[in-house]
Amino acid sequence: MEIMMATYIMDWPTRLVRARAFLGQNRLFVLGAAILLLVISGALLAPWIAHFEPAKIVMSERLSPPSAEHLMGTDRFGRDIFARLLYGARISLLVGLCVVLLSLVLGIPVGLLAGYLGGRTDLILMRLADIFLAFPPLLLPIAITAALGPGLWNAVIALGVTGFPGIARIMRGAVLRVREELYIGAARTMGLGQLHILVRHVLPNSLTPVIVAASSDFGYAILAGASLSFIGLGAQAPAIEWGLMAADSRVDFLDHWWTALIPGLAIFLTVLALNLVGDGLRDILDPKQGRPE
C-alpha cells in the first residue's frame, strides 16, 4: 500500500506536465471552459452582481439602450436586461442539467441491457429507440409538451424522454466492445453473477463515450429548452429564462436590437462553450475517437 501511494504521489508531476501540455494544445477547450465558468459564476452570484431587481417594472425607463446605468439596456417593461440575463442563466442551466440527467437515467440502463444481453432484448430495445429517433429533433418534444401542458418541468420531461435513445445507442456500442474483453470472460469463468459483471465491470468501462456525449447534449438541451420557451411551451412568465426573454422581445427587436440580441447571444455562447468543452473531454477521455490513425 505504501509503495502504491508513493508511486501515485510521484506520478503527480507527470500528471501536471501532461495537463499543461493538453491545455496548451487545446486552447478551444480552455476558451469553452472559461465561458462556461463565467456563465455559472454569473448565475450563482446574480444577487450580488445585479444592481436591479430582475422583475421590477419601471415604465419610465422602458426600452432604454445600453448605458452606464443599464449595461445591457431595458426591455419593454423597463426591466434591467443584465439582471434578467444573470437570473435567467439559473433556469437555463437547470433545464440543461435536468434534461441530460433524465436522458442518462433512461438511456444508460437501456443501452447496457441491449448491448450485454443481445438477441431479442437488443432487438426490442433498439427498435423502441428507433421509433423516437424517427421524429425530427424538436417535433416530438413539442407534441409531448403540448399534451402534458405548457410548463418548465413538462418541457424538461419531454426533452429528457426524447433524448434517451441517443444515449442508449452510444451506451450499447460501448458495451458491445467491452463485453468481448478478456477480463469479462475471466469474470464469467470465475462464476460471478451477471448482475455483478454488469455493475462492477461492464458499466464503469463503458461510460467514457456516454460522458462525452452528455457534455455535448447539455448544450442542445439548453437550446431546445429555450426554443420551447420561445414558442410558449416551456418556462412561463413570471419565470426568467433566456428563451422567454427572446420571446418577449419579438415585438421590439427591429427598433431595439439589444432586447433580442443579448439573450440570443447568451444562448449561443453557452451552447458553443459546452460544445468546446465536450470536444475537449473527448480528447481527454477517448483520445482515439474522431482522430485519424
C-alpha atoms as a PDB file:
ATOM      1  CA  MET A   1       0.000   0.000   0.000  1.00  0.00           C
ATOM      2  CA  GLU A   2       2.826   2.403   0.887  1.00  0.00           C
ATOM      3  CA  ILE A   3       4.598   1.621  -2.395  1.00  0.00           C
ATOM      4  CA  MET A   4       1.395   2.242  -4.353  1.00  0.00           C
ATOM      5  CA  MET A   5       0.798   5.535  -2.526  1.00  0.00           C
ATOM      6  CA  ALA A   6       4.389   6.652  -3.156  1.00  0.00           C
ATOM      7  CA  THR A   7       4.066   5.798  -6.844  1.00  0.00           C
ATOM      8  CA  TYR A   8       0.787   7.731  -7.054  1.00  0.00           C
ATOM      9  CA  ILE A   9       2.326  10.784  -5.359  1.00  0.00           C
ATOM     10  CA  MET A  10       5.449  10.648  -7.537  1.00  0.00           C
ATOM     11  CA  ASP A  11       3.249  10.481 -10.624  1.00  0.00           C
ATOM     12  CA  TRP A  12       1.664  13.872  -9.888  1.00  0.00           C
ATOM     13  CA  PRO A  13       4.440  15.902 -11.576  1.00  0.00           C
ATOM     14  CA  THR A  14       3.937  13.829 -14.704  1.00  0.00           C
ATOM     15  CA  ARG A  15       0.186  14.383 -14.500  1.00  0.00           C
ATOM     16  CA  LEU A  16       0.684  18.137 -14.173  1.00  0.00           C
ATOM     17  CA  VAL A  17       3.044  18.225 -17.160  1.00  0.00           C
ATOM     18  CA  ARG A  18       0.540  16.303 -19.267  1.00  0.00           C
ATOM     19  CA  ALA A  19      -2.300  18.544 -18.140  1.00  0.00           C
ATOM     20  CA  ARG A  20      -0.298  21.658 -19.014  1.00  0.00           C
ATOM     21  CA  ALA A  21       0.589  20.200 -22.411  1.00  0.00           C
ATOM     22  CA  PHE A  22      -3.064  19.333 -23.062  1.00  0.00           C
ATOM     23  CA  LEU A  23      -4.274  22.813 -22.145  1.00  0.00           C
ATOM     24  CA  GLY A  24      -1.613  24.351 -24.344  1.00  0.00           C
ATOM     25  CA  GLN A  25      -2.696  22.227 -27.304  1.00  0.00           C
ATOM     26  CA  ASN A  26      -6.438  22.633 -26.706  1.00  0.00           C
ATOM     27  CA  ARG A  27      -6.999  26.338 -26.433  1.00  0.00           C
ATOM     28  CA  LEU A  28     -10.583  25.993 -27.602  1.00  0.00           C
ATOM     29  CA  PHE A  29     -11.280  23.734 -24.622  1.00  0.00           C
ATOM     30  CA  VAL A  30      -9.811  26.389 -22.313  1.00  0.00           C
ATOM     31  CA  LEU A  31     -11.921  29.064 -24.018  1.00  0.00           C
ATOM     32  CA  GLY A  32     -15.088  26.986 -23.652  1.00  0.00           C
ATOM     33  CA  ALA A  33     -14.353  26.190 -20.019  1.00  0.00           C
ATOM     34  CA  ALA A  34     -13.716  29.879 -19.284  1.00  0.00           C
ATOM     35  CA  ILE A  35     -17.013  30.951 -20.877  1.00  0.00           C
ATOM     36  CA  LEU A  36     -18.902  28.200 -19.068  1.00  0.00           C
ATOM     37  CA  LEU A  37     -17.297  29.128 -15.745  1.00  0.00           C
ATOM     38  CA  LEU A  38     -18.260  32.754 -16.346  1.00  0.00           C
ATOM     39  CA  VAL A  39     -21.900  31.807 -17.037  1.00  0.00           C
ATOM     40  CA  ILE A  40     -22.127  29.551 -13.977  1.00  0.00           C
ATOM     41  CA  SER A  41     -20.487  32.174 -11.758  1.00  0.00           C
ATOM     42  CA  GLY A  42     -22.890  34.842 -13.006  1.00  0.00           C
ATOM     43  CA  ALA A  43     -25.869  32.595 -12.263  1.00  0.00           C
ATOM     44  CA  LEU A  44     -24.676  31.766  -8.745  1.00  0.00           C
ATOM     45  CA  LEU A  45     -23.633  35.311  -7.861  1.00  0.00           C
ATOM     46  CA  ALA A  46     -26.597  37.057  -9.513  1.00  0.00           C
ATOM     47  CA  PRO A  47     -27.940  38.646  -6.280  1.00  0.00           C
ATOM     48  CA  TRP A  48     -24.553  40.290  -5.649  1.00  0.00           C
ATOM     49  CA  ILE A  49     -23.720  41.241  -9.247  1.00  0.00           C
ATOM     50  CA  ALA A  50     -27.053  42.629 -10.434  1.00  0.00           C
ATOM     51  CA  HIS A  51     -27.865  46.138  -9.223  1.00  0.00           C
ATOM     52  CA  PHE A  52     -31.565  45.936 -10.133  1.00  0.00           C
ATOM     53  CA  GLU A  53     -34.402  43.583  -9.314  1.00  0.00           C
ATOM     54  CA  PRO A  54     -34.923  41.408 -12.412  1.00  0.00           C
ATOM     55  CA  ALA A  55     -38.721  41.561 -12.206  1.00  0.00           C
ATOM     56  CA  LYS A  56     -39.075  45.230 -11.232  1.00  0.00           C
ATOM     57  CA  ILE A  57     -41.167  47.152 -13.773  1.00  0.00           C
ATOM     58  CA  VAL A  58     -40.180  50.788 -14.412  1.00  0.00           C
ATOM     59  CA  MET A  59     -42.226  52.046 -17.346  1.00  0.00           C
ATOM     60  CA  SER A  60     -40.430  55.400 -17.354  1.00  0.00           C
ATOM     61  CA  GLU A  61     -37.231  53.573 -18.390  1.00  0.00           C
ATOM     62  CA  ARG A  62     -38.744  51.152 -20.903  1.00  0.00           C
ATOM     63  CA  LEU A  63     -36.585  50.223 -23.916  1.00  0.00           C
ATOM     64  CA  SER A  64     -33.600  52.235 -22.701  1.00  0.00           C
ATOM     65  CA  PRO A  65     -30.453  51.426 -24.728  1.00  0.00           C
ATOM     66  CA  PRO A  66     -27.308  50.064 -23.064  1.00  0.00           C
ATOM     67  CA  SER A  67     -25.739  52.693 -20.844  1.00  0.00           C
ATOM     68  CA  ALA A  68     -23.617  53.120 -17.732  1.00  0.00           C
ATOM     69  CA  GLU A  69     -26.730  52.676 -15.580  1.00  0.00           C
ATOM     70  CA  HIS A  70     -28.223  49.771 -17.506  1.00  0.00           C
ATOM     71  CA  LEU A  71     -25.287  47.874 -19.007  1.00  0.00           C
ATOM     72  CA  MET A  72     -27.459  45.895 -21.421  1.00  0.00           C
ATOM     73  CA  GLY A  73     -30.439  48.227 -21.609  1.00  0.00           C
ATOM     74  CA  THR A  74     -34.003  47.550 -20.531  1.00  0.00           C
ATOM     75  CA  ASP A  75     -36.926  45.678 -22.052  1.00  0.00           C
ATOM     76  CA  ARG A  76     -40.435  46.844 -22.933  1.00  0.00           C
ATOM     77  CA  PHE A  77     -41.401  46.925 -19.248  1.00  0.00           C
ATOM     78  CA  GLY A  78     -38.316  48.814 -18.112  1.00  0.00           C
ATOM     79  CA  ARG A  79     -36.740  45.736 -16.528  1.00  0.00           C
ATOM     80  CA  ASP A  80     -32.932  45.607 -16.470  1.00  0.00           C
ATOM     81  CA  ILE A  81     -31.785  43.064 -19.085  1.00  0.00           C
ATOM     82  CA  PHE A  82     -28.423  42.425 -17.420  1.00  0.00           C
ATOM     83  CA  ALA A  83     -30.120  41.413 -14.166  1.00  0.00           C
ATOM     84  CA  ARG A  84     -32.612  39.234 -16.033  1.00  0.00           C
ATOM     85  CA  LEU A  85     -29.778  37.642 -18.004  1.00  0.00           C
ATOM     86  CA  LEU A  86     -27.991  36.597 -14.807  1.00  0.00           C
ATOM     87  CA  TYR A  87     -31.101  35.222 -13.150  1.00  0.00           C
ATOM     88  CA  GLY A  88     -32.246  33.613 -16.406  1.00  0.00           C
ATOM     89  CA  ALA A  89     -28.987  31.652 -16.563  1.00  0.00           C
ATOM     90  CA  ARG A  90     -30.139  29.743 -13.472  1.00  0.00           C
ATOM     91  CA  ILE A  91     -33.213  28.294 -15.153  1.00  0.00           C
ATOM     92  CA  SER A  92     -31.485  27.693 -18.498  1.00  0.00           C
ATOM     93  CA  LEU A  93     -28.620  25.784 -16.874  1.00  0.00           C
ATOM     94  CA  LEU A  94     -31.046  23.889 -14.642  1.00  0.00           C
ATOM     95  CA  VAL A  95     -33.092  22.840 -17.664  1.00  0.00           C
ATOM     96  CA  GLY A  96     -29.992  21.569 -19.449  1.00  0.00           C
ATOM     97  CA  LEU A  97     -28.771  19.669 -16.388  1.00  0.00           C
ATOM     98  CA  CYS A  98     -32.135  18.034 -15.656  1.00  0.00           C
ATOM     99  CA  VAL A  99     -32.671  17.026 -19.285  1.00  0.00           C
ATOM    100  CA  VAL A 100     -29.237  15.419 -19.503  1.00  0.00           C
ATOM    101  CA  LEU A 101     -29.672  13.599 -16.176  1.00  0.00           C
ATOM    102  CA  LEU A 102     -33.067  12.254 -17.212  1.00  0.00           C
ATOM    103  CA  SER A 103     -31.666  11.105 -20.556  1.00  0.00           C
ATOM    104  CA  LEU A 104     -28.809   9.341 -18.760  1.00  0.00           C
ATOM    105  CA  VAL A 105     -31.117   7.687 -16.229  1.00  0.00           C
ATOM    106  CA  LEU A 106     -33.258   6.294 -19.053  1.00  0.00           C
ATOM    107  CA  GLY A 107     -30.615   5.694 -21.703  1.00  0.00           C
ATOM    108  CA  ILE A 108     -27.817   4.010 -19.748  1.00  0.00           C
ATOM    109  CA  PRO A 109     -29.873   1.004 -18.486  1.00  0.00           C
ATOM    110  CA  VAL A 110     -31.469   0.527 -21.918  1.00  0.00           C
ATOM    111  CA  GLY A 111     -28.130   0.577 -23.726  1.00  0.00           C
ATOM    112  CA  LEU A 112     -26.474  -1.571 -21.052  1.00  0.00           C
ATOM    113  CA  LEU A 113     -29.078  -4.329 -21.263  1.00  0.00           C
ATOM    114  CA  ALA A 114     -29.342  -4.195 -25.047  1.00  0.00           C
ATOM    115  CA  GLY A 115     -25.596  -4.447 -25.573  1.00  0.00           C
ATOM    116  CA  TYR A 116     -24.863  -7.081 -22.949  1.00  0.00           C
ATOM    117  CA  LEU A 117     -27.840  -9.402 -23.358  1.00  0.00           C
ATOM    118  CA  GLY A 118     -28.169  -9.077 -27.125  1.00  0.00           C
ATOM    119  CA  GLY A 119     -30.665 -11.194 -29.025  1.00  0.00           C
ATOM    120  CA  ARG A 120     -34.333 -10.392 -28.684  1.00  0.00           C
ATOM    121  CA  THR A 121     -33.738  -7.929 -25.831  1.00  0.00           C
ATOM    122  CA  ASP A 122     -31.386  -5.919 -28.021  1.00  0.00           C
ATOM    123  CA  LEU A 123     -33.825  -6.040 -30.934  1.00  0.00           C
ATOM    124  CA  ILE A 124     -36.825  -4.824 -28.924  1.00  0.00           C
ATOM    125  CA  LEU A 125     -34.996  -2.057 -27.058  1.00  0.00           C
ATOM    126  CA  MET A 126     -33.218  -0.682 -30.121  1.00  0.00           C
ATOM    127  CA  ARG A 127     -36.368  -0.694 -32.232  1.00  0.00           C
ATOM    128  CA  LEU A 128     -38.046   1.267 -29.446  1.00  0.00           C
ATOM    129  CA  ALA A 129     -35.194   3.758 -29.602  1.00  0.00           C
ATOM    130  CA  ASP A 130     -35.530   3.927 -33.389  1.00  0.00           C
ATOM    131  CA  ILE A 131     -39.172   4.983 -33.032  1.00  0.00           C
ATOM    132  CA  PHE A 132     -38.091   8.037 -31.031  1.00  0.00           C
ATOM    133  CA  LEU A 133     -35.224   8.790 -33.419  1.00  0.00           C
ATOM    134  CA  ALA A 134     -37.582   8.689 -36.421  1.00  0.00           C
ATOM    135  CA  PHE A 135     -39.082  12.052 -35.422  1.00  0.00           C
ATOM    136  CA  PRO A 136     -37.377  15.391 -36.140  1.00  0.00           C
ATOM    137  CA  PRO A 137     -35.391  16.605 -33.083  1.00  0.00           C
ATOM    138  CA  LEU A 138     -37.949  19.119 -31.749  1.00  0.00           C
ATOM    139  CA  LEU A 139     -41.201  17.764 -33.164  1.00  0.00           C
ATOM    140  CA  LEU A 140     -41.727  15.026 -30.582  1.00  0.00           C
ATOM    141  CA  PRO A 141     -40.828  17.233 -27.581  1.00  0.00           C
ATOM    142  CA  ILE A 142     -43.289  19.829 -28.861  1.00  0.00           C
ATOM    143  CA  ALA A 143     -46.012  17.185 -29.160  1.00  0.00           C
ATOM    144  CA  ILE A 144     -45.327  15.738 -25.697  1.00  0.00           C
ATOM    145  CA  THR A 145     -45.198  19.169 -24.050  1.00  0.00           C
ATOM    146  CA  ALA A 146     -48.409  20.214 -25.771  1.00  0.00           C
ATOM    147  CA  ALA A 147     -50.087  17.034 -24.492  1.00  0.00           C
ATOM    148  CA  LEU A 148     -48.814  17.481 -20.930  1.00  0.00           C
ATOM    149  CA  GLY A 149     -49.464  21.217 -20.927  1.00  0.00           C
ATOM    150  CA  PRO A 150     -47.115  24.191 -21.202  1.00  0.00           C
ATOM    151  CA  GLY A 151     -44.650  24.464 -18.346  1.00  0.00           C
ATOM    152  CA  LEU A 152     -40.984  24.276 -17.496  1.00  0.00           C
ATOM    153  CA  TRP A 153     -40.954  20.806 -15.964  1.00  0.00           C
ATOM    154  CA  ASN A 154     -43.198  19.345 -18.640  1.00  0.00           C
ATOM    155  CA  ALA A 155     -40.688  20.621 -21.188  1.00  0.00           C
ATOM    156  CA  VAL A 156     -37.851  19.015 -19.210  1.00  0.00           C
ATOM    157  CA  ILE A 157     -39.693  15.678 -19.165  1.00  0.00           C
ATOM    158  CA  ALA A 158     -40.402  15.868 -22.895  1.00  0.00           C
ATOM    159  CA  LEU A 159     -36.799  16.670 -23.773  1.00  0.00           C
ATOM    160  CA  GLY A 160     -35.389  14.051 -21.403  1.00  0.00           C
ATOM    161  CA  VAL A 161     -37.678  11.281 -22.635  1.00  0.00           C
ATOM    162  CA  THR A 162     -36.938  12.019 -26.281  1.00  0.00           C
ATOM    163  CA  GLY A 163     -33.205  12.412 -25.623  1.00  0.00           C
ATOM    164  CA  PHE A 164     -32.547   8.971 -24.158  1.00  0.00           C
ATOM    165  CA  PRO A 165     -32.323   6.980 -27.464  1.00  0.00           C
ATOM    166  CA  GLY A 166     -29.071   8.683 -28.459  1.00  0.00           C
ATOM    167  CA  ILE A 167     -27.529   7.887 -25.077  1.00  0.00           C
ATOM    168  CA  ALA A 168     -28.831   4.313 -25.277  1.00  0.00           C
ATOM    169  CA  ARG A 169     -27.256   3.730 -28.689  1.00  0.00           C
ATOM    170  CA  ILE A 170     -23.889   5.104 -27.597  1.00  0.00           C
ATOM    171  CA  MET A 171     -24.005   3.005 -24.429  1.00  0.00           C
ATOM    172  CA  ARG A 172     -24.911  -0.104 -26.415  1.00  0.00           C
ATOM    173  CA  GLY A 173     -21.975   0.368 -28.780  1.00  0.00           C
ATOM    174  CA  ALA A 174     -19.577   0.752 -25.848  1.00  0.00           C
ATOM    175  CA  VAL A 175     -20.973  -2.330 -24.113  1.00  0.00           C
ATOM    176  CA  LEU A 176     -20.618  -4.407 -27.288  1.00  0.00           C
ATOM    177  CA  ARG A 177     -16.886  -3.652 -27.255  1.00  0.00           C
ATOM    178  CA  VAL A 178     -16.394  -4.145 -23.522  1.00  0.00           C
ATOM    179  CA  ARG A 179     -18.251  -7.454 -23.253  1.00  0.00           C
ATOM    180  CA  GLU A 180     -15.700  -9.095 -25.555  1.00  0.00           C
ATOM    181  CA  GLU A 181     -12.730  -8.099 -23.380  1.00  0.00           C
ATOM    182  CA  LEU A 182     -10.708 -10.833 -21.703  1.00  0.00           C
ATOM    183  CA  TYR A 183     -11.464  -9.653 -18.169  1.00  0.00           C
ATOM    184  CA  ILE A 184     -15.189 -10.084 -18.798  1.00  0.00           C
ATOM    185  CA  GLY A 185     -14.577 -13.679 -19.904  1.00  0.00           C
ATOM    186  CA  ALA A 186     -12.422 -14.210 -16.826  1.00  0.00           C
ATOM    187  CA  ALA A 187     -15.209 -12.880 -14.597  1.00  0.00           C
ATOM    188  CA  ARG A 188     -17.653 -15.344 -16.150  1.00  0.00           C
ATOM    189  CA  THR A 189     -15.166 -18.186 -15.697  1.00  0.00           C
ATOM    190  CA  MET A 190     -14.835 -17.323 -12.010  1.00  0.00           C
ATOM    191  CA  GLY A 191     -18.595 -17.822 -11.654  1.00  0.00           C
ATOM    192  CA  LEU A 192     -19.513 -14.199 -10.969  1.00  0.00           C
ATOM    193  CA  GLY A 193     -23.198 -13.380 -11.467  1.00  0.00           C
ATOM    194  CA  GLN A 194     -24.452 -11.470 -14.479  1.00  0.00           C
ATOM    195  CA  LEU A 195     -25.603  -8.541 -12.347  1.00  0.00           C
ATOM    196  CA  HIS A 196     -22.205  -8.318 -10.639  1.00  0.00           C
ATOM    197  CA  ILE A 197     -20.415  -8.335 -14.004  1.00  0.00           C
ATOM    198  CA  LEU A 198     -22.750  -5.694 -15.392  1.00  0.00           C
ATOM    199  CA  VAL A 199     -22.463  -3.307 -12.453  1.00  0.00           C
ATOM    200  CA  ARG A 200     -18.825  -3.806 -11.437  1.00  0.00           C
ATOM    201  CA  HIS A 201     -17.109  -4.395 -14.781  1.00  0.00           C
ATOM    202  CA  VAL A 202     -19.179  -3.601 -17.873  1.00  0.00           C
ATOM    203  CA  LEU A 203     -20.849  -0.385 -16.717  1.00  0.00           C
ATOM    204  CA  PRO A 204     -17.768   1.511 -15.417  1.00  0.00           C
ATOM    205  CA  ASN A 205     -15.736   0.640 -18.526  1.00  0.00           C
ATOM    206  CA  SER A 206     -18.487   1.711 -20.923  1.00  0.00           C
ATOM    207  CA  LEU A 207     -19.227   5.185 -19.575  1.00  0.00           C
ATOM    208  CA  THR A 208     -16.491   7.198 -21.301  1.00  0.00           C
ATOM    209  CA  PRO A 209     -18.291   7.803 -24.634  1.00  0.00           C
ATOM    210  CA  VAL A 210     -21.544   8.417 -22.756  1.00  0.00           C
ATOM    211  CA  ILE A 211     -19.941  11.156 -20.645  1.00  0.00           C
ATOM    212  CA  VAL A 212     -18.565  12.788 -23.784  1.00  0.00           C
ATOM    213  CA  ALA A 213     -21.959  12.649 -25.492  1.00  0.00           C
ATOM    214  CA  ALA A 214     -23.731  14.016 -22.404  1.00  0.00           C
ATOM    215  CA  SER A 215     -21.465  17.071 -22.326  1.00  0.00           C
ATOM    216  CA  SER A 216     -22.491  17.898 -25.887  1.00  0.00           C
ATOM    217  CA  ASP A 217     -26.155  17.092 -25.214  1.00  0.00           C
ATOM    218  CA  PHE A 218     -26.083  19.634 -22.378  1.00  0.00           C
ATOM    219  CA  GLY A 219     -25.761  22.444 -24.904  1.00  0.00           C
ATOM    220  CA  TYR A 220     -28.517  21.027 -27.102  1.00  0.00           C
ATOM    221  CA  ALA A 221     -30.803  20.699 -24.059  1.00  0.00           C
ATOM    222  CA  ILE A 222     -30.343  24.390 -23.209  1.00  0.00           C
ATOM    223  CA  LEU A 223     -31.054  25.362 -26.816  1.00  0.00           C
ATOM    224  CA  ALA A 224     -34.091  23.087 -27.051  1.00  0.00           C
ATOM    225  CA  GLY A 225     -35.454  24.317 -23.717  1.00  0.00           C
ATOM    226  CA  ALA A 226     -35.097  27.910 -24.878  1.00  0.00           C
ATOM    227  CA  SER A 227     -36.837  27.017 -28.135  1.00  0.00           C
ATOM    228  CA  LEU A 228     -39.816  25.539 -26.301  1.00  0.00           C
ATOM    229  CA  SER A 229     -39.998  28.632 -24.088  1.00  0.00           C
ATOM    230  CA  PHE A 230     -39.812  30.857 -27.166  1.00  0.00           C
ATOM    231  CA  ILE A 231     -42.920  29.240 -28.674  1.00  0.00           C
ATOM    232  CA  GLY A 232     -44.781  29.313 -25.357  1.00  0.00           C
ATOM    233  CA  LEU A 233     -44.439  25.646 -24.294  1.00  0.00           C
ATOM    234  CA  GLY A 234     -41.533  25.919 -21.848  1.00  0.00           C
ATOM    235  CA  ALA A 235     -40.990  28.352 -18.999  1.00  0.00           C
ATOM    236  CA  GLN A 236     -43.931  30.632 -18.334  1.00  0.00           C
ATOM    237  CA  ALA A 237     -43.979  34.201 -17.040  1.00  0.00           C
ATOM    238  CA  PRO A 238     -43.129  35.462 -14.462  1.00  0.00           C
ATOM    239  CA  ALA A 239     -40.214  32.978 -14.658  1.00  0.00           C
ATOM    240  CA  ILE A 240     -36.979  34.421 -16.034  1.00  0.00           C
ATOM    241  CA  GLU A 241     -35.442  32.290 -18.771  1.00  0.00           C
ATOM    242  CA  TRP A 242     -33.380  33.137 -21.842  1.00  0.00           C
ATOM    243  CA  GLY A 243     -35.824  31.717 -24.379  1.00  0.00           C
ATOM    244  CA  LEU A 244     -38.686  33.533 -22.706  1.00  0.00           C
ATOM    245  CA  MET A 245     -36.666  36.763 -22.760  1.00  0.00           C
ATOM    246  CA  ALA A 246     -36.155  36.377 -26.504  1.00  0.00           C
ATOM    247  CA  ALA A 247     -39.864  35.687 -26.979  1.00  0.00           C
ATOM    248  CA  ASP A 248     -40.802  38.846 -25.052  1.00  0.00           C
ATOM    249  CA  SER A 249     -38.635  40.934 -27.398  1.00  0.00           C
ATOM    250  CA  ARG A 250     -40.273  39.809 -30.659  1.00  0.00           C
ATOM    251  CA  VAL A 251     -42.330  42.981 -30.931  1.00  0.00           C
ATOM    252  CA  ASP A 252     -39.444  45.346 -30.237  1.00  0.00           C
ATOM    253  CA  PHE A 253     -36.260  43.830 -31.634  1.00  0.00           C
ATOM    254  CA  LEU A 254     -36.357  45.567 -35.035  1.00  0.00           C
ATOM    255  CA  ASP A 255     -36.098  49.012 -33.446  1.00  0.00           C
ATOM    256  CA  HIS A 256     -34.445  47.995 -30.179  1.00  0.00           C
ATOM    257  CA  TRP A 257     -31.866  45.366 -31.121  1.00  0.00           C
ATOM    258  CA  TRP A 258     -30.495  44.736 -27.631  1.00  0.00           C
ATOM    259  CA  THR A 259     -33.739  43.224 -26.354  1.00  0.00           C
ATOM    260  CA  ALA A 260     -33.351  40.138 -28.574  1.00  0.00           C
ATOM    261  CA  LEU A 261     -29.638  40.112 -29.340  1.00  0.00           C
ATOM    262  CA  ILE A 262     -28.439  39.835 -25.750  1.00  0.00           C
ATOM    263  CA  PRO A 263     -30.423  36.744 -24.648  1.00  0.00           C
ATOM    264  CA  GLY A 264     -29.790  35.165 -28.055  1.00  0.00           C
ATOM    265  CA  LEU A 265     -26.068  35.808 -27.703  1.00  0.00           C
ATOM    266  CA  ALA A 266     -26.111  34.308 -24.202  1.00  0.00           C
ATOM    267  CA  ILE A 267     -27.683  31.109 -25.555  1.00  0.00           C
ATOM    268  CA  PHE A 268     -25.215  30.999 -28.452  1.00  0.00           C
ATOM    269  CA  LEU A 269     -22.110  31.471 -26.296  1.00  0.00           C
ATOM    270  CA  THR A 270     -23.233  28.966 -23.661  1.00  0.00           C
ATOM    271  CA  VAL A 271     -24.030  26.266 -26.223  1.00  0.00           C
ATOM    272  CA  LEU A 272     -20.750  26.970 -28.030  1.00  0.00           C
ATOM    273  CA  ALA A 273     -18.822  26.730 -24.742  1.00  0.00           C
ATOM    274  CA  LEU A 274     -20.441  23.398 -23.889  1.00  0.00           C
ATOM    275  CA  ASN A 275     -19.599  22.010 -27.337  1.00  0.00           C
ATOM    276  CA  LEU A 276     -15.969  23.115 -26.972  1.00  0.00           C
ATOM    277  CA  VAL A 277     -15.785  21.536 -23.519  1.00  0.00           C
ATOM    278  CA  GLY A 278     -17.357  18.363 -24.922  1.00  0.00           C
ATOM    279  CA  ASP A 279     -14.695  18.158 -27.641  1.00  0.00           C
ATOM    280  CA  GLY A 280     -12.008  18.624 -25.005  1.00  0.00           C
ATOM    281  CA  LEU A 281     -13.468  15.892 -22.825  1.00  0.00           C
ATOM    282  CA  ARG A 282     -13.475  13.584 -25.832  1.00  0.00           C
ATOM    283  CA  ASP A 283      -9.754  14.212 -26.305  1.00  0.00           C
ATOM    284  CA  ILE A 284      -9.104  13.582 -22.597  1.00  0.00           C
ATOM    285  CA  LEU A 285     -11.279  10.522 -22.043  1.00  0.00           C
ATOM    286  CA  ASP A 286     -11.297   8.950 -25.515  1.00  0.00           C
ATOM    287  CA  PRO A 287      -8.338  10.348 -27.493  1.00  0.00           C
ATOM    288  CA  LYS A 288      -8.702   7.833 -30.338  1.00  0.00           C
ATOM    289  CA  GLN A 289     -12.287   8.856 -31.132  1.00  0.00           C
ATOM    290  CA  GLY A 290     -12.568  11.112 -34.141  1.00  0.00           C
ATOM    291  CA  ARG A 291      -8.823  11.175 -34.836  1.00  0.00           C
ATOM    292  CA  PRO A 292      -7.146   9.670 -37.848  1.00  0.00           C
ATOM    293  CA  GLU A 293      -4.711   6.832 -37.285  1.00  0.00           C
END
